Amino acid sequence: MHLSAPGSGVDGVEATVVGDEFVGGTAMIFLETATGHEIKVQKSHDELSTLNRKPGANLIVSWTPENCHVLPGE
């Protein structure tokens, strides 16, 4: 998954940062879409260094179909 700043020209799903969790050399970013769906993205700190990850910030989430795994909900 790729994370981009709004207005960067990247097509994807706009989501709001609801939190993050640092796990060694990576961070798990927790996002929520306007429809209430949760998205979790794990990235290295270097990949996240230029993005605003503060809670309430908006990011664009994009991915290629071959790199996507959909899990069943509860």
N, C-alpha and C. Protein backbone atom coordinates (compact mmCIF):
# COMPACT_ATOMS: atom_id res chain seq x y z
N MET A 1 0.84 -1.17 0.00
CA MET A 1 0.00 0.00 0.00
C MET A 1 0.89 1.23 0.00
N HIS A 2 0.39 2.25 -0.63
CA HIS A 2 1.11 3.51 -0.71
C HIS A 2 0.29 4.58 0.02
N LEU A 3 0.97 5.46 0.71
CA LEU A 3 0.33 6.60 1.36
C LEU A 3 0.84 7.87 0.71
N SER A 4 -0.07 8.77 0.40
CA SER A 4 0.28 10.04 -0.23
C SER A 4 -0.50 11.17 0.43
N ALA A 5 0.01 12.36 0.29
CA ALA A 5 -0.67 13.54 0.81
C ALA A 5 -1.82 13.91 -0.13
N PRO A 6 -2.93 14.41 0.42
CA PRO A 6 -4.01 14.90 -0.44
C PRO A 6 -3.48 15.99 -1.37
N GLY A 7 -3.99 16.02 -2.59
CA GLY A 7 -3.54 17.03 -3.56
C GLY A 7 -2.27 16.63 -4.30
N SER A 8 -1.77 15.42 -4.05
CA SER A 8 -0.55 14.97 -4.72
C SER A 8 -0.80 14.41 -6.11
N GLY A 9 -2.09 14.31 -6.50
CA GLY A 9 -2.42 13.80 -7.82
C GLY A 9 -2.55 12.29 -7.88
N VAL A 10 -2.41 11.62 -6.75
CA VAL A 10 -2.52 10.16 -6.70
C VAL A 10 -3.98 9.78 -6.51
N ASP A 11 -4.46 8.84 -7.34
CA ASP A 11 -5.82 8.33 -7.18
C ASP A 11 -5.82 7.26 -6.09
N GLY A 12 -6.84 7.29 -5.25
CA GLY A 12 -6.94 6.29 -4.19
C GLY A 12 -8.08 6.63 -3.26
N VAL A 13 -8.06 6.04 -2.10
CA VAL A 13 -9.09 6.23 -1.09
C VAL A 13 -8.59 7.24 -0.07
N GLU A 14 -9.39 8.28 0.17
CA GLU A 14 -9.01 9.25 1.19
C GLU A 14 -9.42 8.70 2.55
N ALA A 15 -8.50 8.77 3.51
CA ALA A 15 -8.76 8.25 4.85
C ALA A 15 -8.14 9.19 5.88
N THR A 16 -8.67 9.12 7.08
CA THR A 16 -8.21 9.97 8.18
C THR A 16 -7.37 9.14 9.14
N VAL A 17 -6.25 9.69 9.56
CA VAL A 17 -5.39 9.02 10.54
C VAL A 17 -6.10 9.02 11.89
N VAL A 18 -6.22 7.84 12.49
CA VAL A 18 -6.82 7.75 13.83
C VAL A 18 -5.78 7.37 14.87
N GLY A 19 -4.60 6.95 14.42
CA GLY A 19 -3.54 6.63 15.37
C GLY A 19 -2.38 5.95 14.68
N ASP A 20 -1.32 5.73 15.44
CA ASP A 20 -0.18 4.97 14.93
C ASP A 20 0.47 4.23 16.08
N GLU A 21 1.23 3.22 15.72
CA GLU A 21 1.91 2.38 16.70
C GLU A 21 3.28 2.05 16.14
N PHE A 22 4.31 2.33 16.91
CA PHE A 22 5.67 2.06 16.45
C PHE A 22 6.05 0.63 16.82
N VAL A 23 6.57 -0.10 15.83
CA VAL A 23 6.96 -1.50 16.02
C VAL A 23 8.38 -1.65 15.47
N GLY A 24 9.36 -1.42 16.32
CA GLY A 24 10.76 -1.50 15.88
C GLY A 24 11.05 -0.48 14.81
N GLY A 25 11.52 -0.94 13.65
CA GLY A 25 11.87 -0.05 12.55
C GLY A 25 10.71 0.35 11.67
N THR A 26 9.49 -0.07 12.06
CA THR A 26 8.32 0.27 11.26
C THR A 26 7.24 0.91 12.14
N ALA A 27 6.23 1.40 11.47
CA ALA A 27 5.07 1.96 12.18
C ALA A 27 3.81 1.42 11.53
N MET A 28 2.83 1.11 12.35
CA MET A 28 1.50 0.72 11.87
C MET A 28 0.64 1.96 11.95
N ILE A 29 0.09 2.39 10.81
CA ILE A 29 -0.77 3.56 10.75
C ILE A 29 -2.22 3.07 10.67
N PHE A 30 -3.06 3.56 11.56
CA PHE A 30 -4.47 3.19 11.59
C PHE A 30 -5.27 4.32 10.95
N LEU A 31 -6.04 3.99 9.92
CA LEU A 31 -6.80 4.97 9.17
C LEU A 31 -8.27 4.57 9.14
N GLU A 32 -9.13 5.57 8.91
CA GLU A 32 -10.56 5.31 8.78
C GLU A 32 -11.09 6.09 7.58
N THR A 33 -11.85 5.40 6.73
CA THR A 33 -12.43 6.05 5.56
C THR A 33 -13.68 6.82 5.97
N ALA A 34 -14.21 7.61 5.05
CA ALA A 34 -15.44 8.38 5.32
C ALA A 34 -16.62 7.47 5.59
N THR A 35 -16.56 6.22 5.10
CA THR A 35 -17.66 5.27 5.32
C THR A 35 -17.44 4.42 6.57
N GLY A 36 -16.38 4.72 7.32
CA GLY A 36 -16.13 4.02 8.58
C GLY A 36 -15.30 2.76 8.47
N HIS A 37 -14.76 2.45 7.30
CA HIS A 37 -13.92 1.27 7.15
C HIS A 37 -12.51 1.54 7.69
N GLU A 38 -11.96 0.56 8.37
CA GLU A 38 -10.62 0.69 8.95
C GLU A 38 -9.58 0.15 7.98
N ILE A 39 -8.50 0.89 7.83
CA ILE A 39 -7.37 0.46 7.01
C ILE A 39 -6.13 0.54 7.88
N LYS A 40 -5.32 -0.51 7.86
CA LYS A 40 -4.05 -0.53 8.59
C LYS A 40 -2.93 -0.64 7.58
N VAL A 41 -1.93 0.23 7.72
CA VAL A 41 -0.80 0.24 6.80
C VAL A 41 0.48 0.21 7.61
N GLN A 42 1.36 -0.75 7.29
CA GLN A 42 2.65 -0.83 7.97
C GLN A 42 3.72 -0.35 7.01
N LYS A 43 4.50 0.62 7.45
CA LYS A 43 5.55 1.23 6.63
C LYS A 43 6.78 1.49 7.48
N SER A 44 7.92 1.62 6.81
CA SER A 44 9.15 2.00 7.51
C SER A 44 9.08 3.48 7.88
N HIS A 45 9.86 3.86 8.86
CA HIS A 45 9.87 5.26 9.28
C HIS A 45 10.34 6.16 8.14
N ASP A 46 11.27 5.67 7.32
CA ASP A 46 11.74 6.47 6.18
C ASP A 46 10.62 6.74 5.19
N GLU A 47 9.77 5.74 4.94
CA GLU A 47 8.66 5.91 3.99
C GLU A 47 7.62 6.90 4.52
N LEU A 48 7.56 7.07 5.82
CA LEU A 48 6.55 7.94 6.43
C LEU A 48 7.07 9.32 6.78
N SER A 49 8.35 9.54 6.61
CA SER A 49 8.98 10.78 7.11
C SER A 49 8.41 12.07 6.52
N THR A 50 7.87 12.02 5.31
CA THR A 50 7.38 13.25 4.68
C THR A 50 5.87 13.44 4.83
N LEU A 51 5.19 12.49 5.51
CA LEU A 51 3.73 12.56 5.62
C LEU A 51 3.28 13.05 6.99
N ASN A 52 2.17 13.78 7.02
CA ASN A 52 1.55 14.19 8.27
C ASN A 52 0.76 13.01 8.81
N ARG A 53 1.23 12.41 9.90
CA ARG A 53 0.57 11.24 10.48
C ARG A 53 -0.16 11.57 11.77
N LYS A 54 -0.36 12.84 12.06
CA LYS A 54 -1.05 13.22 13.29
C LYS A 54 -2.52 12.81 13.20
N PRO A 55 -3.11 12.36 14.32
CA PRO A 55 -4.53 12.02 14.30
C PRO A 55 -5.37 13.18 13.75
N GLY A 56 -6.29 12.83 12.84
CA GLY A 56 -7.13 13.83 12.19
C GLY A 56 -6.62 14.24 10.82
N ALA A 57 -5.36 13.94 10.51
CA ALA A 57 -4.80 14.28 9.19
C ALA A 57 -5.39 13.34 8.14
N ASN A 58 -5.54 13.83 6.93
CA ASN A 58 -6.03 13.02 5.82
C ASN A 58 -4.88 12.55 4.96
N LEU A 59 -4.98 11.31 4.49
CA LEU A 59 -4.00 10.73 3.58
C LEU A 59 -4.74 10.01 2.47
N ILE A 60 -4.07 9.83 1.34
CA ILE A 60 -4.60 9.05 0.24
C ILE A 60 -3.94 7.67 0.30
N VAL A 61 -4.75 6.62 0.32
CA VAL A 61 -4.26 5.24 0.34
C VAL A 61 -4.48 4.66 -1.05
N SER A 62 -3.43 4.10 -1.63
CA SER A 62 -3.54 3.48 -2.95
C SER A 62 -2.76 2.17 -2.96
N TRP A 63 -3.12 1.30 -3.90
CA TRP A 63 -2.46 0.01 -4.00
C TRP A 63 -2.71 -0.57 -5.38
N THR A 64 -1.93 -1.56 -5.71
CA THR A 64 -2.14 -2.29 -6.96
C THR A 64 -2.95 -3.55 -6.64
N PRO A 65 -3.81 -3.98 -7.54
CA PRO A 65 -4.66 -5.15 -7.27
C PRO A 65 -3.87 -6.40 -6.87
N GLU A 66 -2.72 -6.62 -7.48
CA GLU A 66 -1.96 -7.82 -7.16
C GLU A 66 -1.33 -7.80 -5.77
N ASN A 67 -1.33 -6.65 -5.13
CA ASN A 67 -0.77 -6.53 -3.78
C ASN A 67 -1.86 -6.37 -2.73
N CYS A 68 -3.05 -6.79 -3.03
CA CYS A 68 -4.18 -6.59 -2.13
C CYS A 68 -4.70 -7.92 -1.59
N HIS A 69 -4.99 -7.95 -0.30
CA HIS A 69 -5.61 -9.11 0.35
C HIS A 69 -6.80 -8.59 1.14
N VAL A 70 -7.99 -9.05 0.81
CA VAL A 70 -9.18 -8.65 1.52
C VAL A 70 -9.51 -9.74 2.53
N LEU A 71 -9.72 -9.34 3.78
CA LEU A 71 -10.03 -10.29 4.84
C LEU A 71 -11.50 -10.18 5.20
N PRO A 72 -12.13 -11.28 5.55
CA PRO A 72 -13.55 -11.22 5.92
C PRO A 72 -13.74 -10.43 7.20
N GLY A 73 -14.86 -9.71 7.28
CA GLY A 73 -15.18 -8.94 8.48
C GLY A 73 -15.83 -9.84 9.52
N GLU A 74 -16.08 -9.25 10.65
CA GLU A 74 -16.73 -10.00 11.73
C GLU A 74 -18.23 -9.87 11.63
